[in-house]
Amino acid sequence: MNKNIAIEHKKKHKTPVQSVTKLSKENQNELLKAMKIGFYMDFHRKGLLTDEQLEMLIAMQDKPVEKDAQKLN
């Protein structure tokens, strides 16, 4: 982090500047999968998806995206 930015941060905030942790590609994919499922469940709760649609969307999350994309080529 740029020292000037850190100094300005310290002047404005009492909390220390924290470094950003990078996620591995696998962890990024798992986080994205969990977020998607959370959205699908919320849509279902709001009545925007049927039980069958919810199950189908969740099941689709277990399939690797890369393999599906290769099938299209």
C-alpha atoms as a PDB file:
ATOM      1  CA  MET A   1       0.000   0.000   0.000  1.00  0.00           C
ATOM      2  CA  ASN A   2       1.221   3.463  -0.795  1.00  0.00           C
ATOM      3  CA  LYS A   3       2.704   5.114   2.316  1.00  0.00           C
ATOM      4  CA  ASN A   4       0.872   8.386   1.669  1.00  0.00           C
ATOM      5  CA  ILE A   5      -2.454   6.584   1.515  1.00  0.00           C
ATOM      6  CA  ALA A   6      -1.672   4.742   4.743  1.00  0.00           C
ATOM      7  CA  ILE A   7      -0.733   7.993   6.481  1.00  0.00           C
ATOM      8  CA  GLU A   8      -3.935   9.687   5.306  1.00  0.00           C
ATOM      9  CA  HIS A   9      -5.932   6.674   6.468  1.00  0.00           C
ATOM     10  CA  LYS A  10      -4.357   6.854   9.924  1.00  0.00           C
ATOM     11  CA  LYS A  11      -5.220  10.552  10.159  1.00  0.00           C
ATOM     12  CA  LYS A  12      -8.870   9.947   9.266  1.00  0.00           C
ATOM     13  CA  HIS A  13      -9.478   6.611  10.993  1.00  0.00           C
ATOM     14  CA  LYS A  14      -8.466   5.126  14.293  1.00  0.00           C
ATOM     15  CA  THR A  15      -8.402   1.585  12.929  1.00  0.00           C
ATOM     16  CA  PRO A  16      -5.185   0.296  11.371  1.00  0.00           C
ATOM     17  CA  VAL A  17      -4.848  -0.330   7.655  1.00  0.00           C
ATOM     18  CA  GLN A  18      -5.278  -4.010   6.916  1.00  0.00           C
ATOM     19  CA  SER A  19      -3.737  -5.837   4.015  1.00  0.00           C
ATOM     20  CA  VAL A  20      -5.920  -7.597   1.479  1.00  0.00           C
ATOM     21  CA  THR A  21      -5.744 -11.378   1.413  1.00  0.00           C
ATOM     22  CA  LYS A  22      -5.743 -12.947  -2.037  1.00  0.00           C
ATOM     23  CA  LEU A  23      -7.953 -15.976  -2.559  1.00  0.00           C
ATOM     24  CA  SER A  24      -6.765 -18.948  -4.532  1.00  0.00           C
ATOM     25  CA  LYS A  25      -8.628 -19.717  -7.753  1.00  0.00           C
ATOM     26  CA  GLU A  26     -10.277 -22.698  -6.043  1.00  0.00           C
ATOM     27  CA  ASN A  27     -11.442 -20.557  -3.119  1.00  0.00           C
ATOM     28  CA  GLN A  28     -12.713 -17.891  -5.521  1.00  0.00           C
ATOM     29  CA  ASN A  29     -14.767 -20.531  -7.313  1.00  0.00           C
ATOM     30  CA  GLU A  30     -16.144 -21.908  -4.036  1.00  0.00           C
ATOM     31  CA  LEU A  31     -17.085 -18.419  -2.860  1.00  0.00           C
ATOM     32  CA  LEU A  32     -18.809 -17.658  -6.149  1.00  0.00           C
ATOM     33  CA  LYS A  33     -20.681 -20.966  -5.968  1.00  0.00           C
ATOM     34  CA  ALA A  34     -21.854 -20.239  -2.411  1.00  0.00           C
ATOM     35  CA  MET A  35     -22.974 -16.741  -3.384  1.00  0.00           C
ATOM     36  CA  LYS A  36     -24.935 -18.022  -6.378  1.00  0.00           C
ATOM     37  CA  ILE A  37     -26.686 -20.655  -4.274  1.00  0.00           C
ATOM     38  CA  GLY A  38     -27.517 -17.978  -1.710  1.00  0.00           C
ATOM     39  CA  PHE A  39     -29.072 -15.809  -4.414  1.00  0.00           C
ATOM     40  CA  TYR A  40     -31.042 -18.768  -5.775  1.00  0.00           C
ATOM     41  CA  MET A  41     -32.346 -19.595  -2.304  1.00  0.00           C
ATOM     42  CA  ASP A  42     -33.386 -15.986  -1.776  1.00  0.00           C
ATOM     43  CA  PHE A  43     -35.199 -15.952  -5.128  1.00  0.00           C
ATOM     44  CA  HIS A  44     -36.958 -19.174  -4.092  1.00  0.00           C
ATOM     45  CA  ARG A  45     -37.925 -17.701  -0.726  1.00  0.00           C
ATOM     46  CA  LYS A  46     -39.434 -14.709  -2.533  1.00  0.00           C
ATOM     47  CA  GLY A  47     -41.436 -17.014  -4.791  1.00  0.00           C
ATOM     48  CA  LEU A  48     -39.455 -16.197  -7.929  1.00  0.00           C
ATOM     49  CA  LEU A  49     -38.274 -19.803  -8.386  1.00  0.00           C
ATOM     50  CA  THR A  50     -40.120 -23.081  -7.992  1.00  0.00           C
ATOM     51  CA  ASP A  51     -38.719 -25.956  -5.934  1.00  0.00           C
ATOM     52  CA  GLU A  52     -37.764 -27.725  -9.151  1.00  0.00           C
ATOM     53  CA  GLN A  53     -35.974 -24.674 -10.551  1.00  0.00           C
ATOM     54  CA  LEU A  54     -34.076 -24.192  -7.300  1.00  0.00           C
ATOM     55  CA  GLU A  55     -32.939 -27.823  -7.263  1.00  0.00           C
ATOM     56  CA  MET A  56     -31.857 -27.604 -10.900  1.00  0.00           C
ATOM     57  CA  LEU A  57     -29.845 -24.412 -10.366  1.00  0.00           C
ATOM     58  CA  ILE A  58     -28.130 -25.804  -7.279  1.00  0.00           C
ATOM     59  CA  ALA A  59     -27.305 -29.053  -9.106  1.00  0.00           C
ATOM     60  CA  MET A  60     -25.801 -27.028 -11.952  1.00  0.00           C
ATOM     61  CA  GLN A  61     -23.308 -25.499  -9.525  1.00  0.00           C
ATOM     62  CA  ASP A  62     -21.637 -28.879  -9.071  1.00  0.00           C
ATOM     63  CA  LYS A  63     -20.778 -29.105 -12.769  1.00  0.00           C
ATOM     64  CA  PRO A  64     -17.485 -27.544 -13.855  1.00  0.00           C
ATOM     65  CA  VAL A  65     -18.127 -24.504 -16.022  1.00  0.00           C
ATOM     66  CA  GLU A  66     -15.063 -25.121 -18.188  1.00  0.00           C
ATOM     67  CA  LYS A  67     -16.349 -28.503 -19.383  1.00  0.00           C
ATOM     68  CA  ASP A  68     -19.708 -27.007 -20.308  1.00  0.00           C
ATOM     69  CA  ALA A  69     -17.997 -24.210 -22.216  1.00  0.00           C
ATOM     70  CA  GLN A  70     -15.851 -26.706 -24.127  1.00  0.00           C
ATOM     71  CA  LYS A  71     -18.977 -28.570 -25.246  1.00  0.00           C
ATOM     72  CA  LEU A  72     -20.211 -25.393 -26.924  1.00  0.00           C
ATOM     73  CA  ASN A  73     -17.076 -25.097 -29.073  1.00  0.00           C
END
